[in-house]
Amino acid sequence: MATERAFDHPNKRSCQPRKYRLLRGIRRTRLCFSDPVVTFEMESCHLRLPLSHELPFYKRTFPHYAQNLGRIAFHTWQKYPDLTMIDVGANVGDSVAVVRMFSDLPILCIEGEPRFFQILEENTRKLPDIELDQTFLGVKGNSIRGIAVERGNACIHLGSGPSRANICTLSESLARHPRFASSKLMKLDAEGFDCKIIASEPELLQRNKPVLFFEYFPESARNAGYKPFSVFPFLCKLGYSTLLIYQNVGRYFMNLNLNQINLLKDLHCLLVELRGFCDVAAFHKEDQDIATNVQAAERSLRQELPNDMHP
């Protein structure tokens, strides 16, 4: 789930303490030889992860990193007590750790990168109500030519040729895990495939109307063969209405309605110009109450900011 280029991600290097810079230097030197698995304490969980993973540094700079997903899960769970969740791009289980801070809902973790999946198995072995599926998600006809792993992210390249990983559709994955076929919450962090996966499952979305939490990264989506902006009219047609926009570090940014096309275009163009991305939470019109509750929680958290950060 961790990644670096948000559309206004601050550069902290100039204010890093000397000891911190030294430790990062030692880490870089160590990674020239190997990338061992280490232990990192996150949200009272002891996560195993590769030394190259950037998650510890994001948590150091942004202590509440990714907790917005936990809040969204909590408020959705309040309305739907039998809620289940699908985690597409589960990585090493960091999203599971965040969500389990706020609720005990069952989670299907889908991850295709072999090493991440192995660590995911280790990190979730003692947690109840977790199911795992080792596969990447795409659309029918996709095949994997290669996988690029860097700084805690796995990016797949499509094309013919031998591959060490599987790829399938979301519906095919759910057929193997029927408990999650009616999930009302879906998180996607699929390195550019998010919008493509969403747009490939109209029947599923129309039936379940899940709350969606996904990464909107125009440049990466185009590399995956999809025109990302088309996901917004697609969701509107299915009855989705409200979008909450976040920095990728979990900071609430703004609320948009799917009929505000010009504002959505402005956001899209900004991200294209900056070669950046944001996170989007999309709510069906039947779940406007959840969107309202989550937005109220985000605005309440703003009151905890230092005085000079308030408008």
C-alpha atoms as a PDB file:
ATOM      1  CA  MET A   1       0.000   0.000   0.000  1.00  0.00           C
ATOM      2  CA  ALA A   2       2.860   2.335   0.627  1.00  0.00           C
ATOM      3  CA  THR A   3       4.087   4.619  -2.137  1.00  0.00           C
ATOM      4  CA  GLU A   4       5.729   8.019  -2.374  1.00  0.00           C
ATOM      5  CA  ARG A   5       4.501  10.480  -5.019  1.00  0.00           C
ATOM      6  CA  ALA A   6       1.359  12.175  -3.716  1.00  0.00           C
ATOM      7  CA  PHE A   7       0.136  15.246  -5.549  1.00  0.00           C
ATOM      8  CA  ASP A   8       1.478  17.511  -2.815  1.00  0.00           C
ATOM      9  CA  HIS A   9       3.762  15.253  -0.833  1.00  0.00           C
ATOM     10  CA  PRO A  10       6.142  17.466   1.186  1.00  0.00           C
ATOM     11  CA  ASN A  11       9.874  16.990   0.938  1.00  0.00           C
ATOM     12  CA  LYS A  12      11.164  16.229   4.413  1.00  0.00           C
ATOM     13  CA  ARG A  13      14.789  15.599   3.592  1.00  0.00           C
ATOM     14  CA  SER A  14      15.961  19.071   4.571  1.00  0.00           C
ATOM     15  CA  CYS A  15      14.707  18.666   8.138  1.00  0.00           C
ATOM     16  CA  GLN A  16      15.729  15.066   8.821  1.00  0.00           C
ATOM     17  CA  PRO A  17      17.813  14.715  11.980  1.00  0.00           C
ATOM     18  CA  ARG A  18      21.423  13.682  11.480  1.00  0.00           C
ATOM     19  CA  LYS A  19      20.875  10.278  13.096  1.00  0.00           C
ATOM     20  CA  TYR A  20      17.928   9.592  10.797  1.00  0.00           C
ATOM     21  CA  ARG A  21      19.963  10.444   7.696  1.00  0.00           C
ATOM     22  CA  LEU A  22      22.753   8.203   8.961  1.00  0.00           C
ATOM     23  CA  LEU A  23      20.389   5.264   9.434  1.00  0.00           C
ATOM     24  CA  ARG A  24      18.979   5.715   5.940  1.00  0.00           C
ATOM     25  CA  GLY A  25      22.504   5.753   4.580  1.00  0.00           C
ATOM     26  CA  ILE A  26      23.326   2.505   6.373  1.00  0.00           C
ATOM     27  CA  ARG A  27      20.127   0.991   4.993  1.00  0.00           C
ATOM     28  CA  ARG A  28      21.016   1.992   1.424  1.00  0.00           C
ATOM     29  CA  THR A  29      24.441   0.405   1.820  1.00  0.00           C
ATOM     30  CA  ARG A  30      22.905  -2.815   3.187  1.00  0.00           C
ATOM     31  CA  LEU A  31      20.470  -3.005   0.271  1.00  0.00           C
ATOM     32  CA  CYS A  32      23.396  -3.056  -2.170  1.00  0.00           C
ATOM     33  CA  PHE A  33      24.067  -6.600  -0.966  1.00  0.00           C
ATOM     34  CA  SER A  34      20.678  -8.059  -0.019  1.00  0.00           C
ATOM     35  CA  ASP A  35      17.144  -7.201   1.067  1.00  0.00           C
ATOM     36  CA  PRO A  36      16.459  -9.103   4.298  1.00  0.00           C
ATOM     37  CA  VAL A  37      13.096  -9.328   6.026  1.00  0.00           C
ATOM     38  CA  VAL A  38      12.876  -7.176   9.157  1.00  0.00           C
ATOM     39  CA  THR A  39      10.258  -6.519  11.838  1.00  0.00           C
ATOM     40  CA  PHE A  40       8.383  -3.220  12.113  1.00  0.00           C
ATOM     41  CA  GLU A  41       5.866  -2.337  14.804  1.00  0.00           C
ATOM     42  CA  MET A  42       2.751  -0.806  13.265  1.00  0.00           C
ATOM     43  CA  GLU A  43      -0.481  -0.082  15.105  1.00  0.00           C
ATOM     44  CA  SER A  44       0.467  -2.525  17.917  1.00  0.00           C
ATOM     45  CA  CYS A  45       1.181  -5.219  15.292  1.00  0.00           C
ATOM     46  CA  HIS A  46       4.612  -6.641  14.544  1.00  0.00           C
ATOM     47  CA  LEU A  47       4.799  -6.644  10.756  1.00  0.00           C
ATOM     48  CA  ARG A  48       7.468  -8.481   8.840  1.00  0.00           C
ATOM     49  CA  LEU A  49       8.536  -6.645   5.687  1.00  0.00           C
ATOM     50  CA  PRO A  50      11.536  -6.299   3.359  1.00  0.00           C
ATOM     51  CA  LEU A  51      14.194  -3.829   4.450  1.00  0.00           C
ATOM     52  CA  SER A  52      13.614  -1.983   1.151  1.00  0.00           C
ATOM     53  CA  HIS A  53       9.986  -1.281   2.069  1.00  0.00           C
ATOM     54  CA  GLU A  54       9.273   2.410   2.637  1.00  0.00           C
ATOM     55  CA  LEU A  55       6.407   1.927   5.101  1.00  0.00           C
ATOM     56  CA  PRO A  56       8.456   2.675   8.258  1.00  0.00           C
ATOM     57  CA  PHE A  57       9.567   6.015   6.800  1.00  0.00           C
ATOM     58  CA  TYR A  58       6.035   7.047   5.845  1.00  0.00           C
ATOM     59  CA  LYS A  59       4.842   6.194   9.351  1.00  0.00           C
ATOM     60  CA  ARG A  60       7.688   8.197  10.839  1.00  0.00           C
ATOM     61  CA  THR A  61       6.819  11.293   8.805  1.00  0.00           C
ATOM     62  CA  PHE A  62       3.030  10.776   8.924  1.00  0.00           C
ATOM     63  CA  PRO A  63       2.057   8.989  12.175  1.00  0.00           C
ATOM     64  CA  HIS A  64      -1.569   8.628  11.028  1.00  0.00           C
ATOM     65  CA  TYR A  65      -0.577   7.243   7.640  1.00  0.00           C
ATOM     66  CA  ALA A  66      -3.400   5.191   6.000  1.00  0.00           C
ATOM     67  CA  GLN A  67      -5.695   5.351   9.033  1.00  0.00           C
ATOM     68  CA  ASN A  68      -8.366   6.890   6.800  1.00  0.00           C
ATOM     69  CA  LEU A  69      -8.977   3.380   5.438  1.00  0.00           C
ATOM     70  CA  GLY A  70      -9.571   2.200   8.997  1.00  0.00           C
ATOM     71  CA  ARG A  71     -12.091   4.984   9.611  1.00  0.00           C
ATOM     72  CA  ILE A  72     -13.908   4.192   6.371  1.00  0.00           C
ATOM     73  CA  ALA A  73     -14.020   0.514   7.348  1.00  0.00           C
ATOM     74  CA  PHE A  74     -15.347   1.389  10.819  1.00  0.00           C
ATOM     75  CA  HIS A  75     -18.211   3.580   9.591  1.00  0.00           C
ATOM     76  CA  THR A  76     -19.151   1.052   6.913  1.00  0.00           C
ATOM     77  CA  TRP A  77     -19.104  -1.708   9.545  1.00  0.00           C
ATOM     78  CA  GLN A  78     -21.404   0.372  11.782  1.00  0.00           C
ATOM     79  CA  LYS A  79     -24.072   0.284   9.066  1.00  0.00           C
ATOM     80  CA  TYR A  80     -23.390  -3.287   7.913  1.00  0.00           C
ATOM     81  CA  PRO A  81     -22.527  -5.458  10.974  1.00  0.00           C
ATOM     82  CA  ASP A  82     -21.915  -8.506   8.737  1.00  0.00           C
ATOM     83  CA  LEU A  83     -19.462  -6.522   6.590  1.00  0.00           C
ATOM     84  CA  THR A  84     -16.657  -8.275   4.727  1.00  0.00           C
ATOM     85  CA  MET A  85     -13.808  -6.546   2.913  1.00  0.00           C
ATOM     86  CA  ILE A  86     -11.733  -7.240  -0.196  1.00  0.00           C
ATOM     87  CA  ASP A  87      -8.131  -5.985  -0.124  1.00  0.00           C
ATOM     88  CA  VAL A  88      -6.738  -5.887  -3.675  1.00  0.00           C
ATOM     89  CA  GLY A  89      -2.987  -5.378  -3.582  1.00  0.00           C
ATOM     90  CA  ALA A  90      -2.658  -6.503   0.028  1.00  0.00           C
ATOM     91  CA  ASN A  91       1.153  -6.227  -0.083  1.00  0.00           C
ATOM     92  CA  VAL A  92       2.569  -7.478   3.246  1.00  0.00           C
ATOM     93  CA  GLY A  93      -0.644  -6.911   5.221  1.00  0.00           C
ATOM     94  CA  ASP A  94      -0.293  -3.277   6.283  1.00  0.00           C
ATOM     95  CA  SER A  95      -3.895  -2.480   5.322  1.00  0.00           C
ATOM     96  CA  VAL A  96      -5.065  -5.424   7.417  1.00  0.00           C
ATOM     97  CA  ALA A  97      -3.151  -4.015  10.398  1.00  0.00           C
ATOM     98  CA  VAL A  98      -4.810  -0.617   9.955  1.00  0.00           C
ATOM     99  CA  VAL A  99      -8.348  -1.954   9.471  1.00  0.00           C
ATOM    100  CA  ARG A 100      -8.053  -4.279  12.459  1.00  0.00           C
ATOM    101  CA  MET A 101      -7.360  -1.230  14.639  1.00  0.00           C
ATOM    102  CA  PHE A 102     -10.952  -0.136  13.994  1.00  0.00           C
ATOM    103  CA  SER A 103     -12.988  -3.311  13.376  1.00  0.00           C
ATOM    104  CA  ASP A 104     -12.853  -7.112  13.302  1.00  0.00           C
ATOM    105  CA  LEU A 105     -14.395  -7.634   9.884  1.00  0.00           C
ATOM    106  CA  PRO A 106     -13.317 -10.597   7.708  1.00  0.00           C
ATOM    107  CA  ILE A 107     -10.863  -9.651   4.945  1.00  0.00           C
ATOM    108  CA  LEU A 108      -9.912 -11.323   1.675  1.00  0.00           C
ATOM    109  CA  CYS A 109      -6.315 -10.353   0.850  1.00  0.00           C
ATOM    110  CA  ILE A 110      -5.336 -10.561  -2.823  1.00  0.00           C
ATOM    111  CA  GLU A 111      -1.634 -10.246  -3.621  1.00  0.00           C
ATOM    112  CA  GLY A 112       0.292 -11.577  -6.621  1.00  0.00           C
ATOM    113  CA  GLU A 113       3.944 -10.787  -5.938  1.00  0.00           C
ATOM    114  CA  PRO A 114       5.462 -14.029  -4.592  1.00  0.00           C
ATOM    115  CA  ARG A 115       7.697 -12.580  -1.877  1.00  0.00           C
ATOM    116  CA  PHE A 116       5.068 -10.123  -0.631  1.00  0.00           C
ATOM    117  CA  PHE A 117       2.543 -12.968  -0.515  1.00  0.00           C
ATOM    118  CA  GLN A 118       4.881 -15.135   1.529  1.00  0.00           C
ATOM    119  CA  ILE A 119       5.348 -12.308   4.049  1.00  0.00           C
ATOM    120  CA  LEU A 120       1.591 -11.601   3.981  1.00  0.00           C
ATOM    121  CA  GLU A 121       0.974 -15.220   4.971  1.00  0.00           C
ATOM    122  CA  GLU A 122       3.371 -14.836   7.894  1.00  0.00           C
ATOM    123  CA  ASN A 123       1.861 -11.527   9.045  1.00  0.00           C
ATOM    124  CA  THR A 124      -1.753 -12.778   8.988  1.00  0.00           C
ATOM    125  CA  ARG A 125      -1.239 -16.377  10.152  1.00  0.00           C
ATOM    126  CA  LYS A 126      -2.548 -15.752  13.669  1.00  0.00           C
ATOM    127  CA  LEU A 127      -5.393 -13.407  12.667  1.00  0.00           C
ATOM    128  CA  PRO A 128      -8.941 -14.795  12.494  1.00  0.00           C
ATOM    129  CA  ASP A 129     -11.216 -14.383   9.461  1.00  0.00           C
ATOM    130  CA  ILE A 130      -8.461 -13.698   6.939  1.00  0.00           C
ATOM    131  CA  GLU A 131      -8.406 -15.444   3.555  1.00  0.00           C
ATOM    132  CA  LEU A 132      -5.574 -15.138   1.043  1.00  0.00           C
ATOM    133  CA  ASP A 133      -5.436 -15.431  -2.739  1.00  0.00           C
ATOM    134  CA  GLN A 134      -2.068 -15.325  -4.502  1.00  0.00           C
ATOM    135  CA  THR A 135      -2.823 -13.605  -7.780  1.00  0.00           C
ATOM    136  CA  PHE A 136      -2.691 -10.255  -9.533  1.00  0.00           C
ATOM    137  CA  LEU A 137      -5.968  -8.835 -10.813  1.00  0.00           C
ATOM    138  CA  GLY A 138      -6.644  -7.602 -14.327  1.00  0.00           C
ATOM    139  CA  VAL A 139      -9.200  -8.143 -17.083  1.00  0.00           C
ATOM    140  CA  LYS A 140      -9.909 -11.143 -19.278  1.00  0.00           C
ATOM    141  CA  GLY A 141      -7.111 -11.796 -21.735  1.00  0.00           C
ATOM    142  CA  ASN A 142      -4.383 -10.118 -19.666  1.00  0.00           C
ATOM    143  CA  SER A 143      -1.095 -11.949 -19.220  1.00  0.00           C
ATOM    144  CA  ILE A 144       2.005 -10.929 -17.296  1.00  0.00           C
ATOM    145  CA  ARG A 145       5.306 -10.330 -19.066  1.00  0.00           C
ATOM    146  CA  GLY A 146       7.242  -9.249 -15.987  1.00  0.00           C
ATOM    147  CA  ILE A 147       7.123  -7.820 -12.458  1.00  0.00           C
ATOM    148  CA  ALA A 148       9.090  -4.835 -11.197  1.00  0.00           C
ATOM    149  CA  VAL A 149       9.494  -4.583  -7.413  1.00  0.00           C
ATOM    150  CA  GLU A 150      10.807  -1.375  -5.887  1.00  0.00           C
ATOM    151  CA  ARG A 151      10.552   0.233  -2.446  1.00  0.00           C
ATOM    152  CA  GLY A 152       7.644  -1.920  -1.298  1.00  0.00           C
ATOM    153  CA  ASN A 153       5.606  -1.813  -4.506  1.00  0.00           C
ATOM    154  CA  ALA A 154       5.100  -4.442  -7.199  1.00  0.00           C
ATOM    155  CA  CYS A 155       4.239  -3.247 -10.696  1.00  0.00           C
ATOM    156  CA  ILE A 156       3.303  -5.757 -13.391  1.00  0.00           C
ATOM    157  CA  HIS A 157       3.998  -5.384 -17.103  1.00  0.00           C
ATOM    158  CA  LEU A 158       1.499  -6.956 -19.461  1.00  0.00           C
ATOM    159  CA  GLY A 159       2.474  -8.959 -22.507  1.00  0.00           C
ATOM    160  CA  SER A 160       3.211 -12.458 -23.690  1.00  0.00           C
ATOM    161  CA  GLY A 161       6.020 -14.548 -22.291  1.00  0.00           C
ATOM    162  CA  PRO A 162       6.784 -16.769 -19.319  1.00  0.00           C
ATOM    163  CA  SER A 163       5.809 -15.389 -15.915  1.00  0.00           C
ATOM    164  CA  ARG A 164       6.234 -16.403 -12.290  1.00  0.00           C
ATOM    165  CA  ALA A 165       2.859 -14.951 -11.256  1.00  0.00           C
ATOM    166  CA  ASN A 166      -0.840 -15.486 -11.908  1.00  0.00           C
ATOM    167  CA  ILE A 167      -3.365 -12.925 -13.120  1.00  0.00           C
ATOM    168  CA  CYS A 168      -7.149 -13.237 -13.144  1.00  0.00           C
ATOM    169  CA  THR A 169     -10.303 -11.155 -12.843  1.00  0.00           C
ATOM    170  CA  LEU A 170     -11.845 -10.122  -9.536  1.00  0.00           C
ATOM    171  CA  SER A 171     -14.876 -12.307 -10.219  1.00  0.00           C
ATOM    172  CA  GLU A 172     -12.608 -15.313 -10.748  1.00  0.00           C
ATOM    173  CA  SER A 173     -10.872 -14.649  -7.443  1.00  0.00           C
ATOM    174  CA  LEU A 174     -14.198 -14.330  -5.629  1.00  0.00           C
ATOM    175  CA  ALA A 175     -15.353 -17.653  -7.086  1.00  0.00           C
ATOM    176  CA  ARG A 176     -12.539 -19.220  -5.039  1.00  0.00           C
ATOM    177  CA  HIS A 177     -13.604 -17.269  -1.946  1.00  0.00           C
ATOM    178  CA  PRO A 178     -17.436 -17.219  -1.975  1.00  0.00           C
ATOM    179  CA  ARG A 179     -17.654 -15.796   1.537  1.00  0.00           C
ATOM    180  CA  PHE A 180     -16.601 -12.437   0.038  1.00  0.00           C
ATOM    181  CA  ALA A 181     -18.845 -12.470  -3.038  1.00  0.00           C
ATOM    182  CA  SER A 182     -21.145  -9.848  -1.455  1.00  0.00           C
ATOM    183  CA  SER A 183     -18.501  -7.645   0.167  1.00  0.00           C
ATOM    184  CA  LYS A 184     -19.584  -4.061   0.815  1.00  0.00           C
ATOM    185  CA  LEU A 185     -16.057  -2.658   1.122  1.00  0.00           C
ATOM    186  CA  MET A 186     -13.274  -2.920  -1.431  1.00  0.00           C
ATOM    187  CA  LYS A 187      -9.799  -1.404  -1.190  1.00  0.00           C
ATOM    188  CA  LEU A 188      -7.579  -1.373  -4.281  1.00  0.00           C
ATOM    189  CA  ASP A 189      -3.915  -0.477  -4.554  1.00  0.00           C
ATOM    190  CA  ALA A 190      -2.978  -2.153  -7.805  1.00  0.00           C
ATOM    191  CA  GLU A 191      -0.248   0.103  -9.224  1.00  0.00           C
ATOM    192  CA  GLY A 192      -2.289   1.641 -12.035  1.00  0.00           C
ATOM    193  CA  PHE A 193      -4.778  -1.195 -12.503  1.00  0.00           C
ATOM    194  CA  ASP A 194      -7.262   0.153  -9.936  1.00  0.00           C
ATOM    195  CA  CYS A 195      -9.624   1.946 -12.331  1.00  0.00           C
ATOM    196  CA  LYS A 196      -9.302  -0.824 -14.906  1.00  0.00           C
ATOM    197  CA  ILE A 197     -10.304  -3.478 -12.365  1.00  0.00           C
ATOM    198  CA  ILE A 198     -13.248  -1.393 -11.178  1.00  0.00           C
ATOM    199  CA  ALA A 199     -14.513  -0.772 -14.725  1.00  0.00           C
ATOM    200  CA  SER A 200     -14.274  -4.481 -15.578  1.00  0.00           C
ATOM    201  CA  GLU A 201     -16.805  -5.505 -12.900  1.00  0.00           C
ATOM    202  CA  PRO A 202     -20.075  -3.602 -13.595  1.00  0.00           C
ATOM    203  CA  GLU A 203     -22.341  -6.512 -12.591  1.00  0.00           C
ATOM    204  CA  LEU A 204     -20.513  -7.022  -9.305  1.00  0.00           C
ATOM    205  CA  LEU A 205     -20.608  -3.326  -8.433  1.00  0.00           C
ATOM    206  CA  GLN A 206     -24.232  -2.957  -9.454  1.00  0.00           C
ATOM    207  CA  ARG A 207     -25.186  -5.920  -7.272  1.00  0.00           C
ATOM    208  CA  ASN A 208     -23.138  -5.156  -4.150  1.00  0.00           C
ATOM    209  CA  LYS A 209     -22.712  -1.359  -4.345  1.00  0.00           C
ATOM    210  CA  PRO A 210     -19.533  -1.573  -2.238  1.00  0.00           C
ATOM    211  CA  VAL A 211     -17.725   1.377  -0.755  1.00  0.00           C
ATOM    212  CA  LEU A 212     -14.616   1.700  -2.925  1.00  0.00           C
ATOM    213  CA  PHE A 213     -11.224   2.949  -1.760  1.00  0.00           C
ATOM    214  CA  PHE A 214      -8.751   3.150  -4.629  1.00  0.00           C
ATOM    215  CA  GLU A 215      -5.687   4.921  -5.944  1.00  0.00           C
ATOM    216  CA  TYR A 216      -6.259   7.393  -8.780  1.00  0.00           C
ATOM    217  CA  PHE A 217      -2.969   7.632 -10.704  1.00  0.00           C
ATOM    218  CA  PRO A 218      -3.565   8.856 -14.291  1.00  0.00           C
ATOM    219  CA  GLU A 219      -0.061   8.187 -15.601  1.00  0.00           C
ATOM    220  CA  SER A 220       0.124   4.673 -14.191  1.00  0.00           C
ATOM    221  CA  ALA A 221      -3.420   3.863 -15.338  1.00  0.00           C
ATOM    222  CA  ARG A 222      -2.554   4.792 -18.918  1.00  0.00           C
ATOM    223  CA  ASN A 223       0.499   2.538 -18.727  1.00  0.00           C
ATOM    224  CA  ALA A 224      -1.921  -0.241 -17.760  1.00  0.00           C
ATOM    225  CA  GLY A 225      -3.982   0.444 -20.899  1.00  0.00           C
ATOM    226  CA  TYR A 226      -6.907   2.364 -19.395  1.00  0.00           C
ATOM    227  CA  LYS A 227      -8.153   5.957 -19.708  1.00  0.00           C
ATOM    228  CA  PRO A 228      -8.564   6.725 -16.010  1.00  0.00           C
ATOM    229  CA  PHE A 229     -11.014   9.621 -16.122  1.00  0.00           C
ATOM    230  CA  SER A 230     -13.684   7.347 -17.610  1.00  0.00           C
ATOM    231  CA  VAL A 231     -14.003   5.618 -14.228  1.00  0.00           C
ATOM    232  CA  PHE A 232     -15.973   8.601 -12.892  1.00  0.00           C
ATOM    233  CA  PRO A 233     -18.874   8.566 -15.401  1.00  0.00           C
ATOM    234  CA  PHE A 234     -18.811   4.763 -15.095  1.00  0.00           C
ATOM    235  CA  LEU A 235     -19.367   4.951 -11.325  1.00  0.00           C
ATOM    236  CA  CYS A 236     -21.976   7.699 -11.727  1.00  0.00           C
ATOM    237  CA  LYS A 237     -23.952   5.487 -14.102  1.00  0.00           C
ATOM    238  CA  LEU A 238     -23.954   2.724 -11.470  1.00  0.00           C
ATOM    239  CA  GLY A 239     -25.448   5.061  -8.872  1.00  0.00           C
ATOM    240  CA  TYR A 240     -22.346   6.219  -7.046  1.00  0.00           C
ATOM    241  CA  SER A 241     -22.574   9.830  -5.941  1.00  0.00           C
ATOM    242  CA  THR A 242     -19.980  11.036  -3.391  1.00  0.00           C
ATOM    243  CA  LEU A 243     -16.194  11.023  -3.556  1.00  0.00           C
ATOM    244  CA  LEU A 244     -13.846  11.808  -0.684  1.00  0.00           C
ATOM    245  CA  ILE A 245     -10.387  12.748  -1.972  1.00  0.00           C
ATOM    246  CA  TYR A 246      -7.249  12.092   0.077  1.00  0.00           C
ATOM    247  CA  GLN A 247      -3.535  12.575  -0.220  1.00  0.00           C
ATOM    248  CA  ASN A 248      -1.945   9.161  -0.470  1.00  0.00           C
ATOM    249  CA  VAL A 249      -0.598   9.602   3.074  1.00  0.00           C
ATOM    250  CA  GLY A 250      -4.172   9.625   4.398  1.00  0.00           C
ATOM    251  CA  ARG A 251      -4.880  13.347   4.755  1.00  0.00           C
ATOM    252  CA  TYR A 252      -8.422  14.342   3.829  1.00  0.00           C
ATOM    253  CA  PHE A 253      -8.405  16.875   0.987  1.00  0.00           C
ATOM    254  CA  MET A 254     -11.896  17.511  -0.358  1.00  0.00           C
ATOM    255  CA  ASN A 255     -15.397  16.210  -1.052  1.00  0.00           C
ATOM    256  CA  LEU A 256     -16.727  15.979  -4.621  1.00  0.00           C
ATOM    257  CA  ASN A 257     -19.939  14.794  -6.206  1.00  0.00           C
ATOM    258  CA  LEU A 258     -19.696  12.668  -9.318  1.00  0.00           C
ATOM    259  CA  ASN A 259     -21.849  15.145 -11.223  1.00  0.00           C
ATOM    260  CA  GLN A 260     -19.229  17.887 -10.674  1.00  0.00           C
ATOM    261  CA  ILE A 261     -17.472  17.019 -13.912  1.00  0.00           C
ATOM    262  CA  ASN A 262     -15.504  20.260 -14.263  1.00  0.00           C
ATOM    263  CA  LEU A 263     -14.039  19.942 -10.757  1.00  0.00           C
ATOM    264  CA  LEU A 264     -13.148  16.317 -11.417  1.00  0.00           C
ATOM    265  CA  LYS A 265     -11.421  17.385 -14.630  1.00  0.00           C
ATOM    266  CA  ASP A 266      -9.493  20.044 -12.707  1.00  0.00           C
ATOM    267  CA  LEU A 267      -8.308  17.405 -10.236  1.00  0.00           C
ATOM    268  CA  HIS A 268      -7.398  15.029 -13.045  1.00  0.00           C
ATOM    269  CA  CYS A 269      -5.419  17.687 -14.932  1.00  0.00           C
ATOM    270  CA  LEU A 270      -3.534  18.688 -11.788  1.00  0.00           C
ATOM    271  CA  LEU A 271      -2.500  15.086 -11.192  1.00  0.00           C
ATOM    272  CA  VAL A 272      -1.450  14.687 -14.822  1.00  0.00           C
ATOM    273  CA  GLU A 273       0.646  17.863 -14.722  1.00  0.00           C
ATOM    274  CA  LEU A 274       2.360  16.824 -11.494  1.00  0.00           C
ATOM    275  CA  ARG A 275       2.600  13.149 -12.514  1.00  0.00           C
ATOM    276  CA  GLY A 276       1.014  12.473  -9.149  1.00  0.00           C
ATOM    277  CA  PHE A 277      -1.926  10.670  -7.640  1.00  0.00           C
ATOM    278  CA  CYS A 278      -4.450  10.666  -4.836  1.00  0.00           C
ATOM    279  CA  ASP A 279      -6.678   8.193  -3.010  1.00  0.00           C
ATOM    280  CA  VAL A 280     -10.420   8.174  -3.640  1.00  0.00           C
ATOM    281  CA  ALA A 281     -13.245   6.831  -1.498  1.00  0.00           C
ATOM    282  CA  ALA A 282     -16.414   6.376  -3.582  1.00  0.00           C
ATOM    283  CA  PHE A 283     -19.853   5.905  -2.016  1.00  0.00           C
ATOM    284  CA  HIS A 284     -23.061   4.741  -3.663  1.00  0.00           C
ATOM    285  CA  LYS A 285     -26.047   7.060  -3.248  1.00  0.00           C
ATOM    286  CA  GLU A 286     -27.598   4.431  -0.937  1.00  0.00           C
ATOM    287  CA  ASP A 287     -24.620   4.910   1.393  1.00  0.00           C
ATOM    288  CA  GLN A 288     -24.586   8.684   1.517  1.00  0.00           C
ATOM    289  CA  ASP A 289     -24.957   8.384   5.295  1.00  0.00           C
ATOM    290  CA  ILE A 290     -21.612   6.559   5.485  1.00  0.00           C
ATOM    291  CA  ALA A 291     -19.948   9.250   3.366  1.00  0.00           C
ATOM    292  CA  THR A 292     -21.388  11.937   5.649  1.00  0.00           C
ATOM    293  CA  ASN A 293     -20.140  10.181   8.782  1.00  0.00           C
ATOM    294  CA  VAL A 294     -16.657   9.622   7.371  1.00  0.00           C
ATOM    295  CA  GLN A 295     -16.402  13.236   6.236  1.00  0.00           C
ATOM    296  CA  ALA A 296     -17.476  14.434   9.689  1.00  0.00           C
ATOM    297  CA  ALA A 297     -14.769  12.255  11.249  1.00  0.00           C
ATOM    298  CA  GLU A 298     -12.136  13.668   8.903  1.00  0.00           C
ATOM    299  CA  ARG A 299     -13.153  17.246   9.655  1.00  0.00           C
ATOM    300  CA  SER A 300     -13.082  16.510  13.369  1.00  0.00           C
ATOM    301  CA  LEU A 301      -9.517  15.251  13.046  1.00  0.00           C
ATOM    302  CA  ARG A 302      -8.549  18.562  11.442  1.00  0.00           C
ATOM    303  CA  GLN A 303      -9.302  20.264  14.748  1.00  0.00           C
ATOM    304  CA  GLU A 304      -6.287  18.444  16.176  1.00  0.00           C
ATOM    305  CA  LEU A 305      -3.961  20.265  13.769  1.00  0.00           C
ATOM    306  CA  PRO A 306      -1.697  23.038  15.114  1.00  0.00           C
ATOM    307  CA  ASN A 307      -3.409  26.429  15.185  1.00  0.00           C
ATOM    308  CA  ASP A 308      -1.322  27.831  12.339  1.00  0.00           C
ATOM    309  CA  MET A 309      -2.611  25.076  10.027  1.00  0.00           C
ATOM    310  CA  HIS A 310      -6.282  26.013  10.421  1.00  0.00           C
ATOM    311  CA  PRO A 311      -7.917  28.351   7.875  1.00  0.00           C
END
